[in-house]
Amino acid sequence: MSYDPEIVAALASDPAYTQPQAPPEGVSLVEYARQQASAAISPFAQFYKERLPDESLYIVSDTQVSVEGGFITLRYVRPRGDVALPILVWFHGGGYMLGDLDMDDAHLRSISLELQLAIVNVDYRLAPEHPFPAAFNDGLAALQWVVNNADELGVNLKKGFLVGGDSAGGNLAAAVALRARDDSSFKHAPLTGQYLREPVVIFPGAYALADKYSAEFHSFAESTDTPLLNSERVHSSFQIYGGPPEDLRVSPLLAPSHAGLPPAFIQVQEFDPIRDDGIVYEKVLREAGVRTKLVKYVGTVHGFHYAFPRIGAATELDRDAREGLKWLLSLSSNFIEVDTKA
């Protein structure tokens, strides 16, 4: 197999994609990674900004929410109108040490309008300034904020209460979904779906902990030199985050049971150190009786849609994401009925 030709051409347009440089003198590795990532993902934000409908069609507001040890910002977007809507709580990617609200902002606004879906975009705290479990705690706090403020937000959680994220954000989404399943404060407002885009579900490299599934992880070892993201960068980012490999807040795959989790829509890239995380997690969920859909993209690399949003594969990924969210929403009421009876 080989890379998608459009990705090959895009990678060739800038040596920085395939020839990473050491940080300049006086610039920390983390700060340099943040600078590089900001430049690499900016095409995605710009692409969707150019396509946004008129701002009069939707509402956007930022809210400061108190969490243990500080505050986080939640950005709320929804189409204008009085109809109570379903809601998605979204966590951006970035290896737990980079990324912000603006990373997915325009894209989420587009999805909100098309799907008539309210969205909370979570600006969780980042490592190394705020190591584990800060991000997890922030994610759980965001879910609780939605439950506590559903009426004021104009949402109906029975129509759909989804959680989603990309990469480390997918890790966070899977981890908080697992916790919410067992948390009594969500008993009457359960999550109804998970959207996991190229997620991490086990501490990178700690696959021996996965018992009978350990032999199914190949992509991490195969991805020592993949462009945009390689296995070394994945591992180092989780080391900086600092969560114990066996902790379910880092490795939701290791939960004794995945029964009762909400349906999951999962997307994975072929040439990605964490490709097999999504593939194995879909299998584990399915075997536990969870409704799942898995989409694999041929010839793609991790985060390619952020760097190259105009290529065909990125258009396909976005189209599938919208259809996947529609599928999750279509299952929401049935999942709540089953969960309530359990």
Protein backbone atom coordinates (compact mmCIF):
# COMPACT_ATOMS: atom_id res chain seq x y z
CA MET A 1 0.00 0.00 0.00
CA SER A 2 1.07 3.60 -0.52
CA TYR A 3 0.14 7.13 0.44
CA ASP A 4 -2.76 8.90 -1.24
CA PRO A 5 -1.28 10.72 -4.29
CA GLU A 6 -2.80 14.04 -3.21
CA ILE A 7 -1.17 13.66 0.20
CA VAL A 8 2.17 12.88 -1.45
CA ALA A 9 1.92 16.06 -3.52
CA ALA A 10 0.89 18.14 -0.52
CA LEU A 11 3.73 16.79 1.62
CA ALA A 12 6.21 17.64 -1.14
CA SER A 13 5.08 21.27 -1.10
CA ASP A 14 6.78 21.97 2.23
CA PRO A 15 9.90 20.19 3.58
CA ALA A 16 8.74 20.88 7.14
CA TYR A 17 6.13 18.14 6.76
CA THR A 18 8.74 15.43 6.23
CA GLN A 19 11.95 16.94 7.62
CA PRO A 20 11.28 18.10 11.19
CA GLN A 21 13.77 20.62 12.53
CA ALA A 22 15.19 20.99 16.04
CA PRO A 23 13.86 23.93 18.08
CA PRO A 24 15.76 27.21 17.69
CA GLU A 25 18.05 28.12 20.54
CA GLY A 26 16.11 29.38 23.52
CA VAL A 27 12.80 27.83 22.42
CA SER A 28 11.54 24.85 24.42
CA LEU A 29 10.51 21.64 22.69
CA VAL A 30 6.90 22.11 23.80
CA GLU A 31 6.72 25.71 22.60
CA TYR A 32 8.30 24.76 19.27
CA ALA A 33 5.83 21.90 18.85
CA ARG A 34 2.99 24.32 19.49
CA GLN A 35 4.33 26.75 16.90
CA GLN A 36 4.74 24.01 14.30
CA ALA A 37 1.31 22.55 14.98
CA SER A 38 -0.38 25.93 14.75
CA ALA A 39 1.10 26.45 11.30
CA ALA A 40 0.27 22.91 10.16
CA ILE A 41 -3.39 22.96 11.17
CA SER A 42 -4.24 26.55 10.22
CA PRO A 43 -5.37 25.57 6.67
CA PHE A 44 -8.28 23.62 8.21
CA ALA A 45 -9.58 26.60 10.16
CA GLN A 46 -9.17 28.91 7.17
CA PHE A 47 -10.89 26.47 4.80
CA TYR A 48 -14.06 26.36 6.90
CA LYS A 49 -14.00 30.06 7.73
CA GLU A 50 -14.26 30.74 4.00
CA ARG A 51 -17.40 28.60 3.83
CA LEU A 52 -19.31 29.75 6.88
CA PRO A 53 -22.90 30.93 6.33
CA ASP A 54 -23.93 34.34 7.61
CA GLU A 55 -23.37 34.81 11.34
CA SER A 56 -26.99 35.86 11.76
CA LEU A 57 -27.96 32.20 11.38
CA TYR A 58 -26.31 30.98 14.57
CA ILE A 59 -25.39 31.96 18.12
CA VAL A 60 -21.89 31.71 19.60
CA SER A 61 -20.97 32.43 23.20
CA ASP A 62 -17.95 31.76 25.43
CA THR A 63 -18.45 30.85 29.08
CA GLN A 64 -15.88 30.61 31.86
CA VAL A 65 -16.48 27.53 34.00
CA SER A 66 -14.82 26.92 37.34
CA VAL A 67 -12.92 23.64 37.65
CA GLU A 68 -10.62 22.24 40.30
CA GLY A 69 -7.51 24.41 40.23
CA GLY A 70 -8.76 27.06 37.85
CA PHE A 71 -11.13 27.90 35.00
CA ILE A 72 -11.78 26.64 31.48
CA THR A 73 -13.60 28.24 28.56
CA LEU A 74 -16.53 26.51 26.88
CA ARG A 75 -17.60 27.82 23.47
CA TYR A 76 -21.26 27.17 22.75
CA VAL A 77 -22.65 27.30 19.21
CA ARG A 78 -26.16 26.57 17.99
CA PRO A 79 -28.45 27.62 15.16
CA ARG A 80 -30.80 30.47 16.00
CA GLY A 81 -34.31 29.44 17.00
CA ASP A 82 -36.36 28.19 19.90
CA VAL A 83 -36.34 24.47 19.12
CA ALA A 84 -34.63 22.33 21.78
CA LEU A 85 -31.70 20.63 20.06
CA PRO A 86 -29.44 17.63 20.66
CA ILE A 87 -25.88 18.47 21.71
CA LEU A 88 -22.29 17.41 21.05
CA VAL A 89 -19.46 18.08 23.52
CA TRP A 90 -16.21 18.30 21.53
CA PHE A 91 -12.54 17.93 22.56
CA HIS A 92 -9.83 19.13 20.16
CA GLY A 93 -6.68 17.13 19.45
CA GLY A 94 -3.05 18.02 20.04
CA GLY A 95 -1.44 15.36 22.20
CA TYR A 96 -2.73 17.00 25.39
CA MET A 97 -0.14 19.76 25.02
CA LEU A 98 -1.38 21.92 22.14
CA GLY A 99 -4.56 23.04 20.40
CA ASP A 100 -7.30 25.50 21.33
CA LEU A 101 -10.91 26.51 20.68
CA ASP A 102 -10.13 28.05 17.29
CA MET A 103 -8.66 24.81 15.95
CA ASP A 104 -12.10 23.33 15.12
CA ASP A 105 -14.30 26.39 15.62
CA ALA A 106 -15.34 27.11 12.02
CA HIS A 107 -15.79 23.43 11.22
CA LEU A 108 -18.01 22.91 14.27
CA ARG A 109 -20.13 25.93 13.33
CA SER A 110 -20.66 24.41 9.89
CA ILE A 111 -21.69 21.07 11.39
CA SER A 112 -23.97 22.77 13.92
CA LEU A 113 -25.92 24.53 11.19
CA GLU A 114 -26.19 21.58 8.82
CA LEU A 115 -27.20 19.04 11.46
CA GLN A 116 -29.23 21.41 13.67
CA LEU A 117 -26.97 20.36 16.51
CA ALA A 118 -25.83 22.41 19.50
CA ILE A 119 -22.10 22.05 20.19
CA VAL A 120 -19.90 22.79 23.20
CA ASN A 121 -16.25 23.18 22.21
CA VAL A 122 -14.05 22.59 25.28
CA ASP A 123 -10.83 24.52 25.90
CA TYR A 124 -9.43 22.00 28.37
CA ARG A 125 -6.14 22.75 30.13
CA LEU A 126 -2.92 21.53 28.53
CA ALA A 127 0.24 19.81 29.70
CA PRO A 128 2.95 20.34 30.80
CA GLU A 129 1.50 23.36 32.61
CA HIS A 130 -1.51 21.28 33.65
CA PRO A 131 -0.60 17.58 33.64
CA PHE A 132 -2.86 14.56 34.12
CA PRO A 133 -5.62 14.41 35.26
CA ALA A 134 -6.43 18.08 34.53
CA ALA A 135 -7.73 17.49 30.99
CA PHE A 136 -9.85 14.54 32.08
CA ASN A 137 -11.31 16.51 34.97
CA ASP A 138 -12.06 19.41 32.63
CA GLY A 139 -13.79 17.09 30.18
CA LEU A 140 -15.99 15.60 32.86
CA ALA A 141 -16.77 19.08 34.19
CA ALA A 142 -17.88 20.14 30.70
CA LEU A 143 -20.32 17.23 30.52
CA GLN A 144 -21.69 18.08 33.96
CA TRP A 145 -22.07 21.74 32.96
CA VAL A 146 -24.21 20.69 30.00
CA VAL A 147 -26.42 18.53 32.22
CA ASN A 148 -26.81 21.32 34.78
CA ASN A 149 -27.58 23.98 32.17
CA ALA A 150 -29.55 22.05 29.56
CA ASP A 151 -32.68 24.19 29.87
CA GLU A 152 -30.77 27.47 29.63
CA LEU A 153 -28.85 26.16 26.63
CA GLY A 154 -32.05 25.17 24.86
CA VAL A 155 -31.07 21.53 24.42
CA ASN A 156 -32.94 18.27 24.84
CA LEU A 157 -30.51 15.58 25.97
CA LYS A 158 -33.02 12.87 25.05
CA LYS A 159 -32.66 13.93 21.41
CA GLY A 160 -28.93 13.30 21.67
CA PHE A 161 -26.10 13.85 24.14
CA LEU A 162 -22.93 13.11 22.20
CA VAL A 163 -19.26 13.35 23.08
CA GLY A 164 -16.49 13.51 20.50
CA GLY A 165 -12.88 14.35 19.85
CA ASP A 166 -9.89 14.00 17.55
CA SER A 167 -6.67 12.15 18.53
CA ALA A 168 -5.96 13.05 22.17
CA GLY A 169 -9.43 14.59 22.13
CA GLY A 170 -10.74 11.19 21.06
CA ASN A 171 -8.90 9.69 24.02
CA LEU A 172 -10.57 12.21 26.28
CA ALA A 173 -13.99 11.55 24.75
CA ALA A 174 -13.68 7.78 25.20
CA ALA A 175 -12.41 8.17 28.76
CA VAL A 176 -15.15 10.53 29.93
CA ALA A 177 -17.79 8.36 28.23
CA LEU A 178 -16.54 5.41 30.27
CA ARG A 179 -16.65 7.43 33.49
CA ALA A 180 -20.08 8.91 32.72
CA ARG A 181 -21.51 5.41 32.25
CA ASP A 182 -20.69 4.63 35.88
CA ASP A 183 -21.27 8.09 37.40
CA SER A 184 -24.63 8.42 39.17
CA SER A 185 -24.82 12.11 38.26
CA PHE A 186 -25.43 11.06 34.64
CA LYS A 187 -28.00 8.37 35.47
CA HIS A 188 -30.91 10.49 34.26
CA ALA A 189 -28.91 12.20 31.50
CA PRO A 190 -26.73 9.49 29.92
CA LEU A 191 -24.47 10.07 26.96
CA THR A 192 -26.06 8.67 23.81
CA GLY A 193 -23.13 8.54 21.39
CA GLN A 194 -19.36 8.76 20.90
CA TYR A 195 -17.63 10.26 17.85
CA LEU A 196 -13.99 9.13 17.99
CA ARG A 197 -11.79 10.49 15.19
CA GLU A 198 -8.35 8.84 15.03
CA PRO A 199 -8.49 8.22 18.81
CA VAL A 200 -5.94 6.99 21.32
CA VAL A 201 -7.53 4.43 23.66
CA ILE A 202 -4.47 3.00 25.43
CA PHE A 203 -1.23 4.63 26.57
CA PRO A 204 0.99 4.57 23.45
CA GLY A 205 3.35 1.59 23.47
CA ALA A 206 1.77 -0.07 26.53
CA TYR A 207 0.00 -2.67 24.43
CA ALA A 208 1.07 -5.61 26.60
CA LEU A 209 -1.55 -4.36 29.06
CA ALA A 210 -4.27 -5.12 26.52
CA ASP A 211 -4.10 -8.88 27.23
CA LYS A 212 -5.83 -10.85 24.46
CA TYR A 213 -5.81 -7.81 22.16
CA SER A 214 -2.12 -6.98 22.58
CA ALA A 215 -1.08 -8.82 19.41
CA GLU A 216 -3.48 -6.72 17.32
CA PHE A 217 -1.48 -3.51 17.70
CA HIS A 218 0.92 -3.12 14.78
CA SER A 219 0.63 0.49 13.62
CA PHE A 220 2.68 2.02 16.45
CA ALA A 221 5.76 -0.08 15.62
CA GLU A 222 5.23 0.49 11.88
CA SER A 223 5.06 4.28 12.16
CA THR A 224 8.50 5.39 13.26
CA ASP A 225 8.85 7.78 10.30
CA THR A 226 5.30 8.61 9.19
CA PRO A 227 4.82 12.27 8.22
CA LEU A 228 2.84 14.73 10.37
CA LEU A 229 2.90 12.33 13.33
CA ASN A 230 5.15 9.38 14.18
CA SER A 231 5.17 6.94 17.07
CA GLU A 232 7.92 8.79 18.97
CA ARG A 233 5.90 12.01 19.03
CA VAL A 234 2.78 10.19 20.20
CA HIS A 235 4.66 8.51 23.02
CA SER A 236 6.45 11.69 24.13
CA SER A 237 3.22 13.70 24.23
CA PHE A 238 1.58 11.17 26.54
CA GLN A 239 4.68 11.10 28.71
CA ILE A 240 4.39 14.87 29.05
CA TYR A 241 0.70 14.49 29.89
CA GLY A 242 1.81 12.13 32.65
CA GLY A 243 -1.06 9.71 33.14
CA PRO A 244 -0.26 6.16 34.34
CA PRO A 245 -0.60 3.66 31.44
CA GLU A 246 -2.94 1.41 33.43
CA ASP A 247 -5.28 4.25 34.48
CA LEU A 248 -8.67 4.06 32.72
CA ARG A 249 -8.66 7.86 32.39
CA VAL A 250 -5.76 7.39 29.95
CA SER A 251 -6.44 3.86 28.70
CA PRO A 252 -10.22 3.32 28.44
CA LEU A 253 -9.52 0.17 26.43
CA LEU A 254 -8.45 -1.53 29.68
CA ALA A 255 -11.85 -1.25 31.37
CA PRO A 256 -13.06 -4.62 32.72
CA SER A 257 -16.29 -4.14 30.79
CA HIS A 258 -17.43 -1.88 27.96
CA ALA A 259 -21.05 -3.02 28.09
CA GLY A 260 -23.55 -0.21 28.35
CA LEU A 261 -21.39 2.38 26.62
CA PRO A 262 -23.17 4.53 24.03
CA PRO A 263 -22.90 3.78 20.28
CA ALA A 264 -19.60 4.80 18.68
CA PHE A 265 -18.64 6.18 15.27
CA ILE A 266 -14.88 5.81 14.70
CA GLN A 267 -12.56 7.05 11.91
CA VAL A 268 -8.96 5.87 11.45
CA GLN A 269 -6.10 6.62 9.02
CA GLU A 270 -4.06 3.89 7.34
CA PHE A 271 -0.59 5.32 8.03
CA ASP A 272 -1.06 6.46 11.62
CA PRO A 273 0.77 5.31 14.78
CA ILE A 274 -2.58 5.03 16.55
CA ARG A 275 -4.57 3.47 13.70
CA ASP A 276 -4.99 0.20 15.56
CA ASP A 277 -6.33 1.96 18.66
CA GLY A 278 -9.51 2.78 16.79
CA ILE A 279 -9.72 -0.60 15.08
CA VAL A 280 -9.26 -2.58 18.30
CA TYR A 281 -11.58 -0.33 20.29
CA GLU A 282 -14.35 -0.78 17.74
CA LYS A 283 -13.93 -4.54 18.08
CA VAL A 284 -13.97 -4.41 21.88
CA LEU A 285 -17.08 -2.24 21.92
CA ARG A 286 -18.86 -4.42 19.38
CA GLU A 287 -18.06 -7.57 21.33
CA ALA A 288 -19.53 -5.86 24.42
CA GLY A 289 -22.82 -5.29 22.60
CA VAL A 290 -22.22 -1.64 21.70
CA ARG A 291 -23.47 -0.38 18.32
CA THR A 292 -20.47 0.73 16.23
CA LYS A 293 -19.44 2.04 12.84
CA LEU A 294 -15.78 2.09 11.76
CA VAL A 295 -14.45 3.90 8.69
CA LYS A 296 -10.86 3.31 7.52
CA TYR A 297 -9.21 5.77 5.12
CA VAL A 298 -6.73 4.30 2.67
CA GLY A 299 -3.41 6.05 2.07
CA THR A 300 -3.97 8.73 4.70
CA VAL A 301 -1.87 9.94 7.63
CA HIS A 302 -2.77 11.25 11.07
CA GLY A 303 -4.28 14.72 10.99
CA PHE A 304 -4.00 15.07 7.21
CA HIS A 305 -7.41 16.77 7.08
CA TYR A 306 -6.07 19.66 9.18
CA ALA A 307 -3.03 20.26 7.00
CA PHE A 308 -4.67 19.49 3.63
CA PRO A 309 -8.41 20.19 3.94
CA ARG A 310 -8.89 20.74 0.21
CA ILE A 311 -7.93 17.26 -1.00
CA GLY A 312 -10.43 14.54 -1.86
CA ALA A 313 -9.78 12.35 1.17
CA ALA A 314 -10.42 15.28 3.52
CA THR A 315 -13.73 15.97 1.81
CA GLU A 316 -14.64 12.31 2.22
CA LEU A 317 -13.68 12.31 5.90
CA ASP A 318 -15.80 15.40 6.56
CA ARG A 319 -18.79 13.98 4.70
CA ASP A 320 -18.51 10.72 6.63
CA ALA A 321 -18.24 12.63 9.92
CA ARG A 322 -21.53 14.39 9.29
CA GLU A 323 -23.22 11.14 8.31
CA GLY A 324 -21.72 9.44 11.35
CA LEU A 325 -23.10 12.11 13.65
CA LYS A 326 -26.52 11.77 12.02
CA TRP A 327 -26.33 8.02 12.64
CA LEU A 328 -25.49 8.55 16.31
CA LEU A 329 -28.37 11.00 16.67
CA SER A 330 -30.77 8.54 15.04
CA LEU A 331 -29.92 5.99 17.75
CA SER A 332 -30.13 8.35 20.71
CA SER A 333 -33.73 7.85 21.83
CA ASN A 334 -33.50 4.06 21.55
CA PHE A 335 -30.25 4.02 23.54
CA ILE A 336 -31.80 6.05 26.35
CA GLU A 337 -34.76 3.64 26.55
CA VAL A 338 -32.46 0.62 26.79
CA ASP A 339 -30.12 2.35 29.25
CA THR A 340 -33.00 3.38 31.51
CA LYS A 341 -34.28 -0.19 31.66
CA ALA A 342 -30.82 -1.62 32.44
